[in-house]
């Protein structure tokens, strides 16, 4: 009898974990930035854009009683001398807009959406040279059957973009039977199109035989795959499992671990945790990451990326292989998504057909793109004889 009880208890425990995970408070609402425009007028920068709130649920109606925006200026100089004004104008499909800009509580019905127009003005001496990016933090409340959920999201709006490098000005670094050229870009975010970014900054310098690489984190933030920790609600499994990881691991915090659980489920994480422990006792390291899936290695917890994403948890990119094939077709050279660190570790997540991954390992081992504020997420690799 005892032989049957143990598997039954384990099965019931796993079922309880999955049910508890599925019944966690959650709102179906999704907020997406749309059509952001930057206009420069002397010492004044005008930024306008839309926030679209959609409800894909068939029946659930969700209240949005509060919505506000906090602009954060980013650049290489002190922005304290600049003046910033912000205005939000609700554009609900069934209500008139208020002239005073007050956000009145609104119900987003099932399978419907609403929009808000955001206007931000930055003014002051040399405003255009002081700031180059705007981080728009959106604080909003979701209210419904799940309770009252404070939510926080950020949108990166580039105010200035560096000029693409020309072939005549390209200064390649010498490597092992190759040359590498880090390409500087603006701060990337969900308003960017990744193929358009590659085309803008690399089109002047690529030639047949080159390989153009893009970091996995920049692609992920363009895809909007980042979350503020305040939106993560760690459960029991996350709080316990995170304690066995090295302090520098992105899974060593409850929010980092819960992010993985939200992606693959608590059962897989728990089984990977147990299996990884058994493999480690048998002298096989890294078992958890192999069993938990690729995202376990790709999640970057806070401080793991460049500002302003250093305050968020960044997931690994989605559809990396498909993106590489699409980008290679658009640019006419091989394209790869890579994960490189300062310790000389190079992992090619995905690459277009015919890409020489041994070449990438040799070229990227010194980490020419850097992991700080270099803003060079693109690296062009050119083989030499």
Protein backbone atom coordinates (compact mmCIF):
# COMPACT_ATOMS: atom_id res chain seq x y z
CA UNK A 1 0.00 0.00 0.00
CA UNK A 2 2.80 2.42 0.91
CA UNK A 3 4.34 1.82 -2.54
CA UNK A 4 1.16 3.22 -4.13
CA UNK A 5 0.75 6.12 -1.72
CA UNK A 6 4.00 7.87 -2.61
CA UNK A 7 3.30 8.20 -6.38
CA UNK A 8 -0.30 9.18 -5.62
CA UNK A 9 0.83 11.88 -3.21
CA UNK A 10 3.35 13.16 -5.75
CA UNK A 11 0.70 13.24 -8.47
CA UNK A 12 -1.73 15.11 -6.23
CA UNK A 13 1.00 17.56 -5.30
CA UNK A 14 1.85 18.27 -8.92
CA UNK A 15 -1.84 18.70 -9.76
CA UNK A 16 -2.25 21.13 -6.86
CA UNK A 17 0.75 23.16 -8.04
CA UNK A 18 -0.61 23.45 -11.57
CA UNK A 19 -4.11 24.40 -10.39
CA UNK A 20 -2.73 26.96 -7.95
CA UNK A 21 -0.56 28.41 -10.73
CA UNK A 22 -3.49 28.68 -13.14
CA UNK A 23 -5.74 30.28 -10.50
CA UNK A 24 -3.25 33.00 -9.54
CA UNK A 25 -4.71 36.52 -9.80
CA UNK A 26 -4.29 37.74 -13.37
CA UNK A 27 -5.80 40.36 -15.61
CA UNK A 28 -6.44 39.71 -19.31
CA UNK A 29 -5.76 43.34 -20.26
CA UNK A 30 -2.81 44.09 -22.54
CA UNK A 31 -1.23 47.51 -23.01
CA UNK A 32 0.66 48.21 -26.25
CA UNK A 33 2.42 51.38 -27.45
CA UNK A 34 1.41 52.59 -30.91
CA UNK A 35 2.56 55.31 -33.33
CA UNK A 36 4.96 57.37 -31.22
CA UNK A 37 6.31 60.48 -32.95
CA UNK A 38 9.15 62.81 -31.96
CA UNK A 39 9.28 66.40 -33.24
CA UNK A 40 12.11 68.86 -32.56
CA UNK A 41 11.38 72.58 -32.39
CA UNK A 42 14.48 74.53 -31.37
CA UNK A 43 15.04 73.91 -27.66
CA UNK A 44 11.77 71.99 -27.35
CA UNK A 45 11.08 68.31 -28.02
CA UNK A 46 7.47 67.21 -28.56
CA UNK A 47 6.70 63.51 -28.07
CA UNK A 48 3.26 62.11 -28.82
CA UNK A 49 2.06 58.53 -28.86
CA UNK A 50 -0.79 56.17 -28.19
CA UNK A 51 -1.34 53.51 -25.55
CA UNK A 52 -3.79 50.82 -26.65
CA UNK A 53 -5.50 48.77 -23.93
CA UNK A 54 -7.13 45.60 -25.23
CA UNK A 55 -9.18 42.89 -23.53
CA UNK A 56 -9.03 39.53 -25.40
CA UNK A 57 -11.29 37.79 -22.87
CA UNK A 58 -14.70 36.83 -24.21
CA UNK A 59 -16.79 37.72 -21.15
CA UNK A 60 -14.71 39.32 -18.42
CA UNK A 61 -15.08 43.08 -17.99
CA UNK A 62 -12.12 44.86 -16.41
CA UNK A 63 -12.00 48.34 -14.89
CA UNK A 64 -9.11 50.72 -15.46
CA UNK A 65 -9.69 53.27 -12.65
CA UNK A 66 -6.23 54.85 -12.83
CA UNK A 67 -3.60 55.51 -15.48
CA UNK A 68 -0.64 57.86 -15.27
CA UNK A 69 2.67 58.32 -17.08
CA UNK A 70 6.06 59.22 -15.60
CA UNK A 71 8.70 60.35 -18.14
CA UNK A 72 12.36 59.59 -17.34
CA UNK A 73 15.03 61.44 -19.33
CA UNK A 74 18.12 59.49 -20.42
CA UNK A 75 21.33 60.92 -21.86
CA UNK A 76 24.97 61.75 -21.26
CA UNK A 77 24.39 65.05 -19.43
CA UNK A 78 22.47 66.36 -16.40
CA UNK A 79 18.83 66.95 -17.45
CA UNK A 80 17.82 68.78 -14.26
CA UNK A 81 17.66 72.11 -16.09
CA UNK A 82 14.98 70.85 -18.47
CA UNK A 83 11.25 71.24 -17.99
CA UNK A 84 8.96 68.29 -18.68
CA UNK A 85 5.18 68.42 -19.02
CA UNK A 86 2.92 65.42 -19.54
CA UNK A 87 -0.69 65.09 -20.59
CA UNK A 88 -2.91 62.03 -21.03
CA UNK A 89 -6.09 62.23 -23.07
CA UNK A 90 -8.49 59.29 -22.94
CA UNK A 91 -9.90 58.32 -26.33
CA UNK A 92 -12.57 55.79 -25.38
CA UNK A 93 -14.72 54.52 -28.26
CA UNK A 94 -18.01 55.18 -26.42
CA UNK A 95 -17.23 58.30 -24.37
CA UNK A 96 -16.26 61.89 -25.08
CA UNK A 97 -12.75 63.01 -24.14
CA UNK A 98 -12.36 65.27 -21.13
CA UNK A 99 -10.78 68.66 -21.77
CA UNK A 100 -9.11 68.69 -18.34
CA UNK A 101 -7.10 65.51 -19.01
CA UNK A 102 -8.58 63.66 -16.02
CA UNK A 103 -8.54 59.87 -16.38
CA UNK A 104 -12.06 58.75 -15.46
CA UNK A 105 -12.48 55.11 -14.43
CA UNK A 106 -13.34 53.08 -17.50
CA UNK A 107 -14.61 49.55 -18.14
CA UNK A 108 -12.89 47.62 -20.93
CA UNK A 109 -15.47 45.04 -21.98
CA UNK A 110 -14.67 41.58 -23.32
CA UNK A 111 -13.09 41.51 -26.78
CA UNK A 112 -12.88 45.28 -26.96
CA UNK A 113 -10.23 47.95 -26.55
CA UNK A 114 -9.63 51.60 -25.75
CA UNK A 115 -6.85 54.08 -26.30
CA UNK A 116 -5.10 56.97 -24.60
CA UNK A 117 -3.08 59.71 -26.28
CA UNK A 118 0.09 60.73 -24.43
CA UNK A 119 1.80 64.08 -25.02
CA UNK A 120 5.18 64.87 -23.45
CA UNK A 121 7.05 68.15 -23.93
CA UNK A 122 10.72 68.55 -23.01
CA UNK A 123 12.00 72.12 -23.09
CA UNK A 124 15.13 73.97 -22.01
CA UNK A 125 18.54 75.10 -23.24
CA UNK A 126 20.11 72.53 -25.59
CA UNK A 127 17.41 69.98 -24.81
CA UNK A 128 18.21 68.05 -27.98
CA UNK A 129 21.84 67.53 -26.98
CA UNK A 130 21.20 66.80 -23.30
CA UNK A 131 18.83 63.83 -23.72
CA UNK A 132 18.81 61.14 -26.39
CA UNK A 133 16.13 58.77 -25.09
CA UNK A 134 12.87 58.93 -23.16
CA UNK A 135 11.76 56.12 -20.88
CA UNK A 136 7.98 56.38 -20.47
CA UNK A 137 6.83 54.55 -17.34
CA UNK A 138 3.14 53.68 -17.38
CA UNK A 139 1.44 53.05 -14.05
CA UNK A 140 -2.09 51.71 -14.31
CA UNK A 141 -4.60 49.78 -12.22
CA UNK A 142 -6.61 46.75 -13.31
CA UNK A 143 -9.72 46.06 -11.24
CA UNK A 144 -12.00 43.06 -11.62
CA UNK A 145 -12.75 39.48 -10.49
CA UNK A 146 -9.05 38.96 -9.79
CA UNK A 147 -8.92 41.87 -7.34
CA UNK A 148 -7.03 45.15 -7.67
CA UNK A 149 -3.75 44.78 -9.57
CA UNK A 150 -1.24 47.63 -9.83
CA UNK A 151 0.65 47.30 -13.10
CA UNK A 152 3.81 48.99 -14.34
CA UNK A 153 5.24 48.98 -17.86
CA UNK A 154 7.89 50.99 -19.66
CA UNK A 155 8.29 52.16 -23.25
CA UNK A 156 11.61 53.40 -24.66
CA UNK A 157 11.22 56.31 -27.09
CA UNK A 158 14.45 57.24 -28.94
CA UNK A 159 14.82 61.01 -29.30
CA UNK A 160 18.04 60.93 -31.34
CA UNK A 161 19.64 58.27 -33.51
CA UNK A 162 23.35 58.10 -34.40
CA UNK A 163 24.24 58.35 -38.06
CA UNK A 164 25.01 54.99 -39.68
CA UNK A 165 28.72 54.39 -40.21
CA UNK A 166 29.98 54.54 -43.79
CA UNK A 167 32.24 51.95 -45.42
CA UNK A 168 35.06 54.53 -45.59
CA UNK A 169 34.88 55.22 -41.84
CA UNK A 170 34.58 51.59 -40.73
CA UNK A 171 37.43 50.61 -38.41
CA UNK A 172 37.50 46.84 -38.02
CA UNK A 173 39.18 45.10 -35.09
CA UNK A 174 41.49 42.20 -35.92
CA UNK A 175 40.63 38.77 -34.60
CA UNK A 176 41.56 35.15 -35.15
CA UNK A 177 41.26 34.76 -38.94
CA UNK A 178 38.54 37.40 -38.92
CA UNK A 179 37.71 41.05 -38.45
CA UNK A 180 34.94 42.47 -36.27
CA UNK A 181 33.12 45.80 -36.36
CA UNK A 182 30.82 46.78 -33.47
CA UNK A 183 28.00 48.98 -34.76
CA UNK A 184 26.57 51.68 -32.53
CA UNK A 185 22.78 52.16 -32.49
CA UNK A 186 20.25 54.14 -30.53
CA UNK A 187 18.72 52.58 -27.43
CA UNK A 188 16.42 49.89 -28.74
CA UNK A 189 12.88 49.13 -27.62
CA UNK A 190 9.43 47.88 -28.62
CA UNK A 191 8.86 50.81 -30.99
CA UNK A 192 11.66 49.49 -33.25
CA UNK A 193 11.47 47.02 -36.10
CA UNK A 194 14.47 44.67 -35.73
CA UNK A 195 15.10 44.18 -39.46
CA UNK A 196 14.85 47.95 -40.03
CA UNK A 197 17.45 48.44 -37.27
CA UNK A 198 19.86 46.00 -38.95
CA UNK A 199 19.32 47.61 -42.33
CA UNK A 200 19.82 51.19 -41.04
CA UNK A 201 23.08 50.60 -39.16
CA UNK A 202 24.71 47.84 -41.23
CA UNK A 203 23.59 48.33 -44.81
CA UNK A 204 26.51 50.64 -45.70
CA UNK A 205 29.23 48.25 -44.53
CA UNK A 206 28.06 44.65 -45.12
CA UNK A 207 29.42 42.67 -48.01
CA UNK A 208 28.97 39.06 -49.20
CA UNK A 209 30.51 36.55 -46.80
CA UNK A 210 29.92 38.69 -43.69
CA UNK A 211 27.92 37.58 -40.67
CA UNK A 212 25.83 40.19 -38.86
CA UNK A 213 25.13 39.37 -35.20
CA UNK A 214 22.54 40.81 -32.86
CA UNK A 215 22.54 40.29 -29.09
CA UNK A 216 19.72 38.18 -27.69
CA UNK A 217 18.75 40.81 -25.11
CA UNK A 218 18.33 43.67 -27.63
CA UNK A 219 16.10 41.46 -29.76
CA UNK A 220 14.06 40.51 -26.69
CA UNK A 221 13.43 44.13 -25.65
CA UNK A 222 12.41 45.03 -29.22
CA UNK A 223 9.89 42.18 -28.94
CA UNK A 224 8.65 43.68 -25.66
CA UNK A 225 9.76 40.65 -23.66
CA UNK A 226 10.53 42.39 -20.38
CA UNK A 227 8.62 42.82 -17.13
CA UNK A 228 8.95 45.04 -14.12
CA UNK A 229 9.40 42.94 -10.93
CA UNK A 230 6.34 44.60 -9.42
CA UNK A 231 4.25 42.67 -11.97
CA UNK A 232 5.67 39.32 -10.80
CA UNK A 233 3.97 37.58 -7.88
CA UNK A 234 6.34 34.86 -6.57
CA UNK A 235 4.75 31.69 -5.32
CA UNK A 236 5.98 29.01 -2.92
CA UNK A 237 7.90 27.03 -5.55
CA UNK A 238 9.77 30.13 -6.72
CA UNK A 239 10.67 31.22 -3.19
CA UNK A 240 12.08 27.79 -2.35
CA UNK A 241 13.74 26.84 -5.65
CA UNK A 242 15.64 30.13 -6.07
CA UNK A 243 17.62 29.58 -2.86
CA UNK A 244 19.84 26.84 -4.28
CA UNK A 245 21.23 28.94 -7.15
CA UNK A 246 24.45 30.95 -7.10
CA UNK A 247 23.77 34.58 -6.00
CA UNK A 248 24.84 35.90 -9.43
CA UNK A 249 22.30 33.73 -11.26
CA UNK A 250 19.18 35.40 -12.65
CA UNK A 251 17.22 32.56 -11.05
CA UNK A 252 18.56 33.27 -7.56
CA UNK A 253 15.69 35.66 -6.78
CA UNK A 254 12.06 34.78 -6.25
CA UNK A 255 10.91 37.10 -9.05
CA UNK A 256 13.49 35.75 -11.50
CA UNK A 257 12.46 32.17 -10.75
CA UNK A 258 8.76 33.02 -10.90
CA UNK A 259 9.30 34.54 -14.35
CA UNK A 260 10.58 31.16 -15.52
CA UNK A 261 7.66 29.40 -13.84
CA UNK A 262 5.22 31.70 -15.63
CA UNK A 263 6.82 30.62 -18.92
CA UNK A 264 7.13 26.85 -18.49
CA UNK A 265 4.93 26.04 -15.49
CA UNK A 266 5.71 25.02 -11.88
CA UNK A 267 5.73 21.28 -12.61
CA UNK A 268 8.56 21.49 -15.13
CA UNK A 269 10.58 23.78 -12.88
CA UNK A 270 10.11 21.50 -9.88
CA UNK A 271 11.04 18.40 -11.89
CA UNK A 272 14.07 20.20 -13.35
CA UNK A 273 15.09 21.26 -9.85
CA UNK A 274 14.92 17.67 -8.55
CA UNK A 275 16.50 16.21 -11.67
CA UNK A 276 19.27 18.81 -11.66
CA UNK A 277 20.08 18.00 -8.05
CA UNK A 278 20.31 14.28 -8.81
CA UNK A 279 22.52 14.93 -11.85
CA UNK A 280 24.77 17.19 -9.80
CA UNK A 281 25.20 14.44 -7.19
CA UNK A 282 26.19 12.16 -10.07
CA UNK A 283 28.83 14.67 -11.18
CA UNK A 284 26.87 16.20 -14.10
CA UNK A 285 26.53 19.99 -13.68
CA UNK A 286 23.97 22.21 -15.42
CA UNK A 287 21.19 19.65 -15.33
CA UNK A 288 18.52 22.12 -14.22
CA UNK A 289 19.07 24.39 -17.24
CA UNK A 290 18.90 21.49 -19.68
CA UNK A 291 15.71 20.15 -18.12
CA UNK A 292 13.99 23.51 -17.62
CA UNK A 293 14.49 24.66 -21.22
CA UNK A 294 16.32 27.43 -23.07
CA UNK A 295 14.56 30.27 -21.28
CA UNK A 296 16.15 29.20 -17.99
CA UNK A 297 19.54 30.35 -19.35
CA UNK A 298 18.27 33.42 -21.17
CA UNK A 299 16.35 35.26 -18.45
CA UNK A 300 18.19 38.36 -17.21
CA UNK A 301 17.18 39.59 -13.77
CA UNK A 302 17.47 43.25 -12.75
CA UNK A 303 20.95 44.83 -13.22
CA UNK A 304 21.60 42.22 -15.94
CA UNK A 305 21.06 44.61 -18.85
CA UNK A 306 21.77 48.19 -19.87
CA UNK A 307 19.61 51.04 -18.46
CA UNK A 308 16.67 51.50 -18.45
CA UNK A 309 16.12 47.75 -18.74
CA UNK A 310 18.35 47.19 -15.72
CA UNK A 311 15.24 47.69 -13.55
CA UNK A 312 13.30 44.99 -15.39
CA UNK A 313 13.44 41.24 -15.90
CA UNK A 314 14.23 40.51 -19.55
CA UNK A 315 13.19 37.19 -21.07
CA UNK A 316 14.91 35.44 -23.93
CA UNK A 317 13.82 36.37 -27.47
CA UNK A 318 11.01 34.66 -29.33
CA UNK A 319 11.19 33.08 -32.83
CA UNK A 320 14.95 33.65 -33.09
CA UNK A 321 15.46 31.18 -35.92
CA UNK A 322 12.67 32.63 -38.04
CA UNK A 323 13.99 36.13 -37.46
CA UNK A 324 17.49 35.14 -38.61
CA UNK A 325 16.15 33.71 -41.86
CA UNK A 326 13.97 36.78 -42.51
CA UNK A 327 16.82 39.20 -41.74
CA UNK A 328 19.33 37.28 -43.87
CA UNK A 329 16.95 37.38 -46.80
CA UNK A 330 16.43 41.14 -46.35
CA UNK A 331 20.13 42.04 -46.02
CA UNK A 332 21.76 39.43 -48.23
CA UNK A 333 24.23 38.22 -45.57
CA UNK A 334 24.14 35.64 -42.79
CA UNK A 335 22.50 36.76 -39.52
CA UNK A 336 22.86 35.26 -36.05
CA UNK A 337 21.41 35.89 -32.57
CA UNK A 338 24.13 35.51 -29.94
CA UNK A 339 24.60 35.57 -26.18
CA UNK A 340 28.11 36.73 -25.23
CA UNK A 341 29.58 37.72 -21.86
CA UNK A 342 32.83 39.15 -20.53
CA UNK A 343 34.04 35.68 -19.47
CA UNK A 344 34.54 34.62 -23.09
CA UNK A 345 31.37 32.56 -23.25
CA UNK A 346 29.75 32.62 -26.69
CA UNK A 347 26.42 30.93 -27.40
CA UNK A 348 24.80 31.13 -30.80
CA UNK A 349 21.05 30.97 -30.11
CA UNK A 350 20.03 30.90 -33.75
CA UNK A 351 21.56 31.58 -37.15
CA UNK A 352 20.50 31.69 -40.78
CA UNK A 353 21.34 28.77 -43.02
CA UNK A 354 24.99 28.54 -44.02
CA UNK A 355 26.26 30.58 -41.06
CA UNK A 356 29.73 29.62 -39.81
CA UNK A 357 29.23 29.29 -36.04
CA UNK A 358 32.90 28.41 -35.44
CA UNK A 359 33.79 31.78 -36.97
CA UNK A 360 31.39 33.52 -34.59
CA UNK A 361 32.88 31.78 -31.57
CA UNK A 362 36.39 32.94 -32.50
CA UNK A 363 35.30 36.46 -33.35
CA UNK A 364 33.03 37.14 -30.38
CA UNK A 365 35.04 35.50 -27.59
CA UNK A 366 36.68 38.87 -26.65
CA UNK A 367 33.13 40.32 -26.43
CA UNK A 368 33.67 43.27 -28.80
CA UNK A 369 30.13 44.55 -28.20
CA UNK A 370 30.64 44.88 -24.43
CA UNK A 371 28.00 44.43 -21.73
CA UNK A 372 27.84 47.99 -20.37
CA UNK A 373 26.62 51.19 -22.04
CA UNK A 374 28.51 50.86 -25.34
CA UNK A 375 25.19 50.69 -27.26
CA UNK A 376 26.73 48.38 -29.84
CA UNK A 377 24.26 45.47 -29.96
CA UNK A 378 25.25 44.76 -33.58
CA UNK A 379 28.60 43.24 -34.46
CA UNK A 380 29.67 42.62 -38.05
CA UNK A 381 32.01 39.64 -38.46
CA UNK A 382 34.14 39.33 -41.62
CA UNK A 383 36.26 36.22 -42.24
CA UNK A 384 39.85 36.67 -43.41
CA UNK A 385 42.37 34.23 -44.86
